[in-house]
Amino acid sequence: MIEFALKTFLSSRNHLEVGHLRRLPIPFLEPSARSALGKIGRAAVQAATDGGETRLDAITDELDAFTRELYGIRPGAALALQR
């Protein structure tokens, strides 16, 4: 996952160094945020185990909202991946 993020967001594609990792925008999570993320993960595993596709859609939306808040992206903002 880290290699994908590095190659997607950074210009260096073949030669990776520790300094490249420092440039990744990975926030430090406070205990409450870690707990919330864990709750989302457990709910996703449970929904996948139970075959709850509709519930997984809601969990995906919850994870999207969590991530946007974490990075300070407003809820309705369009996001474009540029390579």
PDB file of N, CA and C in Angstrom:
ATOM      1  N   MET A   1       0.822  -1.181   0.000  1.00  0.00           N
ATOM      2  CA  MET A   1       0.000   0.000   0.000  1.00  0.00           C
ATOM      3  C   MET A   1       0.874   1.254   0.000  1.00  0.00           C
ATOM      4  N   ILE A   2       1.928   1.229   0.802  1.00  0.00           N
ATOM      5  CA  ILE A   2       2.827   2.378   0.857  1.00  0.00           C
ATOM      6  C   ILE A   2       3.514   2.574  -0.488  1.00  0.00           C
ATOM      7  N   GLU A   3       3.943   1.468  -1.105  1.00  0.00           N
ATOM      8  CA  GLU A   3       4.602   1.577  -2.408  1.00  0.00           C
ATOM      9  C   GLU A   3       3.650   2.185  -3.440  1.00  0.00           C
ATOM     10  N   PHE A   4       2.376   1.781  -3.424  1.00  0.00           N
ATOM     11  CA  PHE A   4       1.393   2.350  -4.339  1.00  0.00           C
ATOM     12  C   PHE A   4       1.256   3.852  -4.116  1.00  0.00           C
ATOM     13  N   ALA A   5       1.139   4.257  -2.851  1.00  0.00           N
ATOM     14  CA  ALA A   5       1.004   5.681  -2.544  1.00  0.00           C
ATOM     15  C   ALA A   5       2.232   6.451  -2.995  1.00  0.00           C
ATOM     16  N   LEU A   6       3.401   5.902  -2.756  1.00  0.00           N
ATOM     17  CA  LEU A   6       4.631   6.578  -3.172  1.00  0.00           C
ATOM     18  C   LEU A   6       4.677   6.759  -4.683  1.00  0.00           C
ATOM     19  N   LYS A   7       4.384   5.698  -5.398  1.00  0.00           N
ATOM     20  CA  LYS A   7       4.472   5.760  -6.860  1.00  0.00           C
ATOM     21  C   LYS A   7       3.338   6.574  -7.475  1.00  0.00           C
ATOM     22  N   THR A   8       2.227   6.680  -6.762  1.00  0.00           N
ATOM     23  CA  THR A   8       1.094   7.452  -7.269  1.00  0.00           C
ATOM     24  C   THR A   8       1.277   8.943  -7.030  1.00  0.00           C
ATOM     25  N   PHE A   9       1.729   9.312  -5.835  1.00  0.00           N
ATOM     26  CA  PHE A   9       1.762  10.719  -5.456  1.00  0.00           C
ATOM     27  C   PHE A   9       3.119  11.392  -5.602  1.00  0.00           C
ATOM     28  N   LEU A  10       4.167  10.626  -5.734  1.00  0.00           N
ATOM     29  CA  LEU A  10       5.492  11.219  -5.864  1.00  0.00           C
ATOM     30  C   LEU A  10       6.058  10.938  -7.248  1.00  0.00           C
ATOM     31  N   SER A  11       6.914  11.807  -7.711  1.00  0.00           N
ATOM     32  CA  SER A  11       7.430  11.682  -9.065  1.00  0.00           C
ATOM     33  C   SER A  11       8.444  10.558  -9.213  1.00  0.00           C
ATOM     34  N   SER A  12       9.124  10.175  -8.161  1.00  0.00           N
ATOM     35  CA  SER A  12      10.125   9.115  -8.232  1.00  0.00           C
ATOM     36  C   SER A  12       9.417   7.771  -8.333  1.00  0.00           C
ATOM     37  N   ARG A  13       9.629   7.061  -9.407  1.00  0.00           N
ATOM     38  CA  ARG A  13       8.907   5.814  -9.608  1.00  0.00           C
ATOM     39  C   ARG A  13       9.772   4.566  -9.413  1.00  0.00           C
ATOM     40  N   ASN A  14      11.065   4.650  -9.652  1.00  0.00           N
ATOM     41  CA  ASN A  14      11.897   3.466  -9.577  1.00  0.00           C
ATOM     42  C   ASN A  14      12.820   3.430  -8.361  1.00  0.00           C
ATOM     43  N   HIS A  15      13.196   4.574  -7.872  1.00  0.00           N
ATOM     44  CA  HIS A  15      14.141   4.639  -6.762  1.00  0.00           C
ATOM     45  C   HIS A  15      13.443   5.246  -5.545  1.00  0.00           C
ATOM     46  N   LEU A  16      13.195   4.420  -4.532  1.00  0.00           N
ATOM     47  CA  LEU A  16      12.502   4.884  -3.338  1.00  0.00           C
ATOM     48  C   LEU A  16      13.473   4.952  -2.169  1.00  0.00           C
ATOM     49  N   GLU A  17      13.377   6.026  -1.405  1.00  0.00           N
ATOM     50  CA  GLU A  17      14.231   6.210  -0.243  1.00  0.00           C
ATOM     51  C   GLU A  17      13.368   6.576   0.959  1.00  0.00           C
ATOM     52  N   VAL A  18      13.962   6.511   2.140  1.00  0.00           N
ATOM     53  CA  VAL A  18      13.241   6.836   3.367  1.00  0.00           C
ATOM     54  C   VAL A  18      12.682   8.254   3.308  1.00  0.00           C
ATOM     55  N   GLY A  19      13.407   9.184   2.727  1.00  0.00           N
ATOM     56  CA  GLY A  19      12.945  10.566   2.621  1.00  0.00           C
ATOM     57  C   GLY A  19      11.633  10.683   1.857  1.00  0.00           C
ATOM     58  N   HIS A  20      11.407   9.766   0.917  1.00  0.00           N
ATOM     59  CA  HIS A  20      10.146   9.788   0.171  1.00  0.00           C
ATOM     60  C   HIS A  20       8.976   9.492   1.091  1.00  0.00           C
ATOM     61  N   LEU A  21       9.180   8.581   2.037  1.00  0.00           N
ATOM     62  CA  LEU A  21       8.106   8.243   2.986  1.00  0.00           C
ATOM     63  C   LEU A  21       7.692   9.449   3.810  1.00  0.00           C
ATOM     64  N   ARG A  22       8.657  10.287   4.136  1.00  0.00           N
ATOM     65  CA  ARG A  22       8.356  11.470   4.951  1.00  0.00           C
ATOM     66  C   ARG A  22       7.473  12.465   4.213  1.00  0.00           C
ATOM     67  N   ARG A  23       7.454  12.380   2.904  1.00  0.00           N
ATOM     68  CA  ARG A  23       6.642  13.307   2.109  1.00  0.00           C
ATOM     69  C   ARG A  23       5.191  12.851   1.969  1.00  0.00           C
ATOM     70  N   LEU A  24       4.881  11.620   2.375  1.00  0.00           N
ATOM     71  CA  LEU A  24       3.507  11.137   2.281  1.00  0.00           C
ATOM     72  C   LEU A  24       2.636  11.822   3.337  1.00  0.00           C
ATOM     73  N   PRO A  25       1.455  12.227   2.949  1.00  0.00           N
ATOM     74  CA  PRO A  25       0.567  12.932   3.891  1.00  0.00           C
ATOM     75  C   PRO A  25      -0.207  11.965   4.790  1.00  0.00           C
ATOM     76  N   ILE A  26       0.503  11.317   5.711  1.00  0.00           N
ATOM     77  CA  ILE A  26      -0.137  10.377   6.623  1.00  0.00           C
ATOM     78  C   ILE A  26      -0.255  11.056   7.983  1.00  0.00           C
ATOM     79  N   PRO A  27      -1.473  11.374   8.395  1.00  0.00           N
ATOM     80  CA  PRO A  27      -1.652  12.090   9.667  1.00  0.00           C
ATOM     81  C   PRO A  27      -1.496  11.177  10.882  1.00  0.00           C
ATOM     82  N   PHE A  28      -1.143  11.773  11.990  1.00  0.00           N
ATOM     83  CA  PHE A  28      -1.111  11.074  13.274  1.00  0.00           C
ATOM     84  C   PHE A  28      -2.530  11.081  13.817  1.00  0.00           C
ATOM     85  N   LEU A  29      -3.033   9.921  14.203  1.00  0.00           N
ATOM     86  CA  LEU A  29      -4.404   9.835  14.699  1.00  0.00           C
ATOM     87  C   LEU A  29      -4.436   9.920  16.215  1.00  0.00           C
ATOM     88  N   GLU A  30      -5.297  10.776  16.703  1.00  0.00           N
ATOM     89  CA  GLU A  30      -5.560  10.858  18.139  1.00  0.00           C
ATOM     90  C   GLU A  30      -6.298   9.579  18.556  1.00  0.00           C
ATOM     91  N   PRO A  31      -6.280   9.244  19.839  1.00  0.00           N
ATOM     92  CA  PRO A  31      -6.971   8.025  20.290  1.00  0.00           C
ATOM     93  C   PRO A  31      -8.439   7.948  19.868  1.00  0.00           C
ATOM     94  N   SER A  32      -9.149   9.058  19.905  1.00  0.00           N
ATOM     95  CA  SER A  32     -10.565   9.033  19.509  1.00  0.00           C
ATOM     96  C   SER A  32     -10.727   8.731  18.020  1.00  0.00           C
ATOM     97  N   ALA A  33      -9.821   9.271  17.200  1.00  0.00           N
ATOM     98  CA  ALA A  33      -9.876   9.010  15.755  1.00  0.00           C
ATOM     99  C   ALA A  33      -9.493   7.559  15.466  1.00  0.00           C
ATOM    100  N   ARG A  34      -8.498   7.031  16.184  1.00  0.00           N
ATOM    101  CA  ARG A  34      -8.121   5.620  16.006  1.00  0.00           C
ATOM    102  C   ARG A  34      -9.288   4.716  16.366  1.00  0.00           C
ATOM    103  N   SER A  35      -9.983   5.058  17.429  1.00  0.00           N
ATOM    104  CA  SER A  35     -11.134   4.276  17.854  1.00  0.00           C
ATOM    105  C   SER A  35     -12.235   4.317  16.803  1.00  0.00           C
ATOM    106  N   ALA A  36     -12.502   5.503  16.268  1.00  0.00           N
ATOM    107  CA  ALA A  36     -13.539   5.650  15.237  1.00  0.00           C
ATOM    108  C   ALA A  36     -13.181   4.867  13.979  1.00  0.00           C
ATOM    109  N   LEU A  37     -11.912   4.913  13.590  1.00  0.00           N
ATOM    110  CA  LEU A  37     -11.475   4.186  12.402  1.00  0.00           C
ATOM    111  C   LEU A  37     -11.571   2.675  12.638  1.00  0.00           C
ATOM    112  N   GLY A  38     -11.226   2.231  13.833  1.00  0.00           N
ATOM    113  CA  GLY A  38     -11.361   0.820  14.175  1.00  0.00           C
ATOM    114  C   GLY A  38     -12.809   0.367  14.126  1.00  0.00           C
ATOM    115  N   LYS A  39     -13.701   1.214  14.607  1.00  0.00           N
ATOM    116  CA  LYS A  39     -15.141   0.899  14.587  1.00  0.00           C
ATOM    117  C   LYS A  39     -15.631   0.759  13.145  1.00  0.00           C
ATOM    118  N   ILE A  40     -15.182   1.658  12.276  1.00  0.00           N
ATOM    119  CA  ILE A  40     -15.570   1.582  10.857  1.00  0.00           C
ATOM    120  C   ILE A  40     -15.044   0.285  10.248  1.00  0.00           C
ATOM    121  N   GLY A  41     -13.800  -0.064  10.554  1.00  0.00           N
ATOM    122  CA  GLY A  41     -13.207  -1.291  10.023  1.00  0.00           C
ATOM    123  C   GLY A  41     -13.934  -2.538  10.490  1.00  0.00           C
ATOM    124  N   ARG A  42     -14.247  -2.595  11.775  1.00  0.00           N
ATOM    125  CA  ARG A  42     -14.973  -3.755  12.309  1.00  0.00           C
ATOM    126  C   ARG A  42     -16.362  -3.869  11.681  1.00  0.00           C
ATOM    127  N   ALA A  43     -17.019  -2.730  11.486  1.00  0.00           N
ATOM    128  CA  ALA A  43     -18.353  -2.743  10.856  1.00  0.00           C
ATOM    129  C   ALA A  43     -18.255  -3.237   9.411  1.00  0.00           C
ATOM    130  N   ALA A  44     -17.196  -2.855   8.712  1.00  0.00           N
ATOM    131  CA  ALA A  44     -17.018  -3.289   7.320  1.00  0.00           C
ATOM    132  C   ALA A  44     -16.776  -4.791   7.243  1.00  0.00           C
ATOM    133  N   VAL A  45     -15.949  -5.311   8.138  1.00  0.00           N
ATOM    134  CA  VAL A  45     -15.696  -6.755   8.158  1.00  0.00           C
ATOM    135  C   VAL A  45     -16.978  -7.507   8.469  1.00  0.00           C
ATOM    136  N   GLN A  46     -17.736  -7.025   9.437  1.00  0.00           N
ATOM    137  CA  GLN A  46     -18.993  -7.683   9.801  1.00  0.00           C
ATOM    138  C   GLN A  46     -19.988  -7.648   8.647  1.00  0.00           C
ATOM    139  N   ALA A  47     -20.103  -6.505   7.976  1.00  0.00           N
ATOM    140  CA  ALA A  47     -21.037  -6.390   6.853  1.00  0.00           C
ATOM    141  C   ALA A  47     -20.614  -7.294   5.697  1.00  0.00           C
ATOM    142  N   ALA A  48     -19.310  -7.380   5.440  1.00  0.00           N
ATOM    143  CA  ALA A  48     -18.822  -8.247   4.364  1.00  0.00           C
ATOM    144  C   ALA A  48     -19.076  -9.714   4.702  1.00  0.00           C
ATOM    145  N   THR A  49     -18.901 -10.064   5.960  1.00  0.00           N
ATOM    146  CA  THR A  49     -19.133 -11.443   6.402  1.00  0.00           C
ATOM    147  C   THR A  49     -20.608 -11.811   6.286  1.00  0.00           C
ATOM    148  N   ASP A  50     -21.473 -10.855   6.614  1.00  0.00           N
ATOM    149  CA  ASP A  50     -22.921 -11.098   6.569  1.00  0.00           C
ATOM    150  C   ASP A  50     -23.507 -10.946   5.172  1.00  0.00           C
ATOM    151  N   GLY A  51     -22.701 -10.479   4.208  1.00  0.00           N
ATOM    152  CA  GLY A  51     -23.202 -10.259   2.857  1.00  0.00           C
ATOM    153  C   GLY A  51     -24.052  -9.012   2.734  1.00  0.00           C
ATOM    154  N   GLY A  52     -23.805  -8.021   3.575  1.00  0.00           N
ATOM    155  CA  GLY A  52     -24.598  -6.794   3.581  1.00  0.00           C
ATOM    156  C   GLY A  52     -24.052  -5.738   2.642  1.00  0.00           C
ATOM    157  N   GLU A  53     -24.275  -5.921   1.352  1.00  0.00           N
ATOM    158  CA  GLU A  53     -23.763  -4.969   0.352  1.00  0.00           C
ATOM    159  C   GLU A  53     -24.292  -3.554   0.578  1.00  0.00           C
ATOM    160  N   THR A  54     -25.555  -3.423   0.943  1.00  0.00           N
ATOM    161  CA  THR A  54     -26.137  -2.106   1.191  1.00  0.00           C
ATOM    162  C   THR A  54     -25.450  -1.454   2.378  1.00  0.00           C
ATOM    163  N   ARG A  55     -25.185  -2.215   3.400  1.00  0.00           N
ATOM    164  CA  ARG A  55     -24.494  -1.699   4.589  1.00  0.00           C
ATOM    165  C   ARG A  55     -23.068  -1.290   4.238  1.00  0.00           C
ATOM    166  N   LEU A  56     -22.409  -2.041   3.350  1.00  0.00           N
ATOM    167  CA  LEU A  56     -21.052  -1.682   2.941  1.00  0.00           C
ATOM    168  C   LEU A  56     -21.021  -0.331   2.240  1.00  0.00           C
ATOM    169  N   ASP A  57     -22.046  -0.018   1.464  1.00  0.00           N
ATOM    170  CA  ASP A  57     -22.124   1.290   0.810  1.00  0.00           C
ATOM    171  C   ASP A  57     -22.178   2.402   1.853  1.00  0.00           C
ATOM    172  N   ALA A  58     -22.965   2.208   2.894  1.00  0.00           N
ATOM    173  CA  ALA A  58     -23.069   3.205   3.963  1.00  0.00           C
ATOM    174  C   ALA A  58     -21.746   3.339   4.714  1.00  0.00           C
ATOM    175  N   ILE A  59     -21.070   2.215   4.926  1.00  0.00           N
ATOM    176  CA  ILE A  59     -19.773   2.244   5.612  1.00  0.00           C
ATOM    177  C   ILE A  59     -18.734   2.955   4.753  1.00  0.00           C
ATOM    178  N   THR A  60     -18.778   2.738   3.461  1.00  0.00           N
ATOM    179  CA  THR A  60     -17.862   3.430   2.544  1.00  0.00           C
ATOM    180  C   THR A  60     -18.081   4.935   2.624  1.00  0.00           C
ATOM    181  N   ASP A  61     -19.334   5.362   2.664  1.00  0.00           N
ATOM    182  CA  ASP A  61     -19.646   6.788   2.800  1.00  0.00           C
ATOM    183  C   ASP A  61     -19.127   7.336   4.136  1.00  0.00           C
ATOM    184  N   GLU A  62     -19.266   6.542   5.195  1.00  0.00           N
ATOM    185  CA  GLU A  62     -18.777   6.957   6.516  1.00  0.00           C
ATOM    186  C   GLU A  62     -17.254   7.088   6.515  1.00  0.00           C
ATOM    187  N   LEU A  63     -16.573   6.146   5.860  1.00  0.00           N
ATOM    188  CA  LEU A  63     -15.115   6.199   5.762  1.00  0.00           C
ATOM    189  C   LEU A  63     -14.670   7.397   4.927  1.00  0.00           C
ATOM    190  N   ASP A  64     -15.388   7.693   3.861  1.00  0.00           N
ATOM    191  CA  ASP A  64     -15.078   8.858   3.037  1.00  0.00           C
ATOM    192  C   ASP A  64     -15.209  10.141   3.854  1.00  0.00           C
ATOM    193  N   ALA A  65     -16.278  10.258   4.618  1.00  0.00           N
ATOM    194  CA  ALA A  65     -16.482  11.446   5.454  1.00  0.00           C
ATOM    195  C   ALA A  65     -15.382  11.558   6.509  1.00  0.00           C
ATOM    196  N   PHE A  66     -14.999  10.434   7.109  1.00  0.00           N
ATOM    197  CA  PHE A  66     -13.932  10.416   8.110  1.00  0.00           C
ATOM    198  C   PHE A  66     -12.618  10.901   7.495  1.00  0.00           C
ATOM    199  N   THR A  67     -12.288  10.370   6.321  1.00  0.00           N
ATOM    200  CA  THR A  67     -11.034  10.731   5.650  1.00  0.00           C
ATOM    201  C   THR A  67     -11.030  12.198   5.244  1.00  0.00           C
ATOM    202  N   ARG A  68     -12.133  12.683   4.708  1.00  0.00           N
ATOM    203  CA  ARG A  68     -12.215  14.095   4.320  1.00  0.00           C
ATOM    204  C   ARG A  68     -12.016  15.003   5.530  1.00  0.00           C
ATOM    205  N   GLU A  69     -12.637  14.650   6.645  1.00  0.00           N
ATOM    206  CA  GLU A  69     -12.479  15.458   7.857  1.00  0.00           C
ATOM    207  C   GLU A  69     -11.029  15.421   8.344  1.00  0.00           C
ATOM    208  N   LEU A  70     -10.434  14.264   8.273  1.00  0.00           N
ATOM    209  CA  LEU A  70      -9.052  14.087   8.711  1.00  0.00           C
ATOM    210  C   LEU A  70      -8.087  14.967   7.924  1.00  0.00           C
ATOM    211  N   TYR A  71      -8.315  15.095   6.616  1.00  0.00           N
ATOM    212  CA  TYR A  71      -7.443  15.887   5.761  1.00  0.00           C
ATOM    213  C   TYR A  71      -7.951  17.308   5.532  1.00  0.00           C
ATOM    214  N   GLY A  72      -9.076  17.667   6.154  1.00  0.00           N
ATOM    215  CA  GLY A  72      -9.595  19.021   6.019  1.00  0.00           C
ATOM    216  C   GLY A  72     -10.204  19.313   4.658  1.00  0.00           C
ATOM    217  N   ILE A  73     -10.823  18.311   4.055  1.00  0.00           N
ATOM    218  CA  ILE A  73     -11.472  18.471   2.746  1.00  0.00           C
ATOM    219  C   ILE A  73     -12.966  18.610   2.983  1.00  0.00           C
ATOM    220  N   ARG A  74     -13.557  19.660   2.437  1.00  0.00           N
ATOM    221  CA  ARG A  74     -14.983  19.871   2.688  1.00  0.00           C
ATOM    222  C   ARG A  74     -15.810  18.733   2.086  1.00  0.00           C
ATOM    223  N   PRO A  75     -16.950  18.414   2.686  1.00  0.00           N
ATOM    224  CA  PRO A  75     -17.737  17.237   2.305  1.00  0.00           C
ATOM    225  C   PRO A  75     -18.109  17.143   0.836  1.00  0.00           C
ATOM    226  N   GLY A  76     -18.485  18.197   0.180  1.00  0.00           N
ATOM    227  CA  GLY A  76     -18.940  18.099  -1.205  1.00  0.00           C
ATOM    228  C   GLY A  76     -17.862  18.321  -2.252  1.00  0.00           C
ATOM    229  N   ALA A  77     -16.627  18.538  -1.830  1.00  0.00           N
ATOM    230  CA  ALA A  77     -15.563  18.879  -2.777  1.00  0.00           C
ATOM    231  C   ALA A  77     -15.262  17.708  -3.717  1.00  0.00           C
ATOM    232  N   ALA A  78     -15.139  18.037  -4.996  1.00  0.00           N
ATOM    233  CA  ALA A  78     -14.778  17.022  -5.990  1.00  0.00           C
ATOM    234  C   ALA A  78     -13.277  16.771  -5.882  1.00  0.00           C
ATOM    235  N   LEU A  79     -12.907  15.505  -5.935  1.00  0.00           N
ATOM    236  CA  LEU A  79     -11.510  15.135  -5.847  1.00  0.00           C
ATOM    237  C   LEU A  79     -11.066  14.499  -7.172  1.00  0.00           C
ATOM    238  N   ALA A  80      -9.940  14.945  -7.662  1.00  0.00           N
ATOM    239  CA  ALA A  80      -9.413  14.399  -8.909  1.00  0.00           C
ATOM    240  C   ALA A  80      -8.020  13.858  -8.648  1.00  0.00           C
ATOM    241  N   LEU A  81      -7.779  12.637  -9.071  1.00  0.00           N
ATOM    242  CA  LEU A  81      -6.463  12.036  -8.922  1.00  0.00           C
ATOM    243  C   LEU A  81      -5.637  12.410 -10.135  1.00  0.00           C
ATOM    244  N   GLN A  82      -4.521  13.040  -9.885  1.00  0.00           N
ATOM    245  CA  GLN A  82      -3.638  13.432 -10.982  1.00  0.00           C
ATOM    246  C   GLN A  82      -2.344  12.665 -10.867  1.00  0.00           C
ATOM    247  N   ARG A  83      -1.882  12.154 -11.986  1.00  0.00           N
ATOM    248  CA  ARG A  83      -0.624  11.400 -12.008  1.00  0.00           C
ATOM    249  C   ARG A  83       0.381  12.116 -12.832  1.00  0.00           C
TER     250      ARG A  83
END
